[in-house]
Structures are given as C-alpha cells and as structure tokens.
C-alpha cells in the first residue's frame, strides 16, 4: 500500500467512518491542515489543561483546593481515563457504573449538597478529582484498527485480505504522524500552539506532542503533552539526518519509502533555559 492510497482512503471515507473516532479525526486533519479548533485532539488538550493547572496552583502558589476545580477535574479525568484506570480507581467498577456514581456526586457538588454525598460518591469524587489522569488522544493500534474497520465497513477490504493489510500497519501509523505534525491548534481562550512529531522520549518511540505554556507563575512553565503515541522505534523509521535530532521537530516532514524524512534544513532544538520548568505528560 502506498502513502497516496492511504491519504485517498481517509479523504474519500471521511463521512463514512462509522463512528471510528481516530479515522474521522485524521481525515479532518487532512481536510483542515492549517488549524484545528475542535475534535478529540483539541478536546484532550483542553482536558489536560483543566485537570493539571489547579494542582500546579496548589503546589506552586499554595492555593487550597476549590470545589469548582474538583468538579471540572472529576469530569475531565473521567473522560480521559481508560477502562483499566476506571476499574482501579473505582474499586473494580465498569465505566457505566462508575459514571453513574460520579455523575451523581458531581450533581450534588454543583448544587452545594456536599452533606448528601454517599460513601461511594465521596470515594469517586476524591479518586477522580484530586489527581492527574492522562492518556494520549490517539494510539497507534487504535489508528490502525479504526482504519481497518472503516475499510471493512465500506466493503473496500475482505476479511481474507486482512493479513496483507496488517503488513502495512507501520505505513498507516507513519501517515498519521505526518498528517498531524505541524498543524496549529487554537482552543479559543488564549491557548494555542502547534503539534510536533519526534521520538525524544525514554522509549525512543515516534509520537506527536504539543507544548503548552502556562502563564501566571514566577517562572515559565511549559507542559509537553503526548497526543499520538506509537510503538514504532524512531531510529528504525527516520532518515539518517534525523537520527541525531529526535525532536520535537520544528520543520516539515514527509514520508518517502516508508521513512520519515525532513523537508528542507534540519534545525536543532534550542536548549530550555534554566528559568523554565518543563513538565512532560505522556
């Protein structure tokens, strides 16, 4: 499968994605390559800022916990949590059951009825309201599985052909990286930035991240947030020019012969100044 074929499938089946969220999101990235203002990726950025900032305020400014902050953290953390995290934090409950209890707790807190919280509601409100939960908006296997499902649903792929498509998994994932890289986002409330690919992480895996700058502190505070996480080792899928420059890349990239190559000059990243605190959230 060629990269052009993958791009055409995303474009052609954008409106026939059968609820496969990553397929529609990547198709939207192709359709709107200049700026993203909505979708799972920007929603995840917004949730991360909502969840993290009050806890940072408490740590750096000594601010006490505000009920409004606890409420929005409960909601954003639950949206971001995966099934394993929900089960672990809710005493083994499934998502639907935990959501009913947490929704009841949030409703009572919003109404000021703290004394009416049941023991279960208190436990879940604390579990989801007083921590940072994070999962990338997209993962490599989800991207590939959604791509495969959309082809099956649209009868563009027969089940007996799945083993052949599986051989193109890395191409589908690499395509997602190049589609997301360099796209700007704007949440409409002063938080904006750009998505950047690279493999500068302890695992050396290719990913797409966003650098969020939080204002109002004694020193500059930035958050490097992972939004697309893959299991592809960077050194195996990048051009030799990029091996010594793991990113995040501030220049254009493209795919050639199943390898990520730079467009134009490779510019090394500047070192972070001593006056900046960078927090990485994967």
Foldseek 3Di string as FASTA:
>chain_A
DDLVVLLCLLCVCLVPLVPLQLSVVLSVLVVPVAEDQDGLQVLQVVLQCLQPPVVVCCVAVVDDDDLVSLLSQLVSQLVFDDQVLLCVQQVRDGSVVLCVLCVVLSVCSVVVNNVPRDPSNVSSSCSRRPDRHHDASAELVSQLVSSVVSCVVVVVDDPVCVVVVVVCSLVSSVSSQQSQFQHKYDNPPPWIFGKFWFQPDPLQFIFIWTWTWDDDGPFTEIETETHYTYPHRQVVAEDPVCPVARDSFPFHWDDDPRHIYTDPDGDHDDDDDPRYHYHYDD
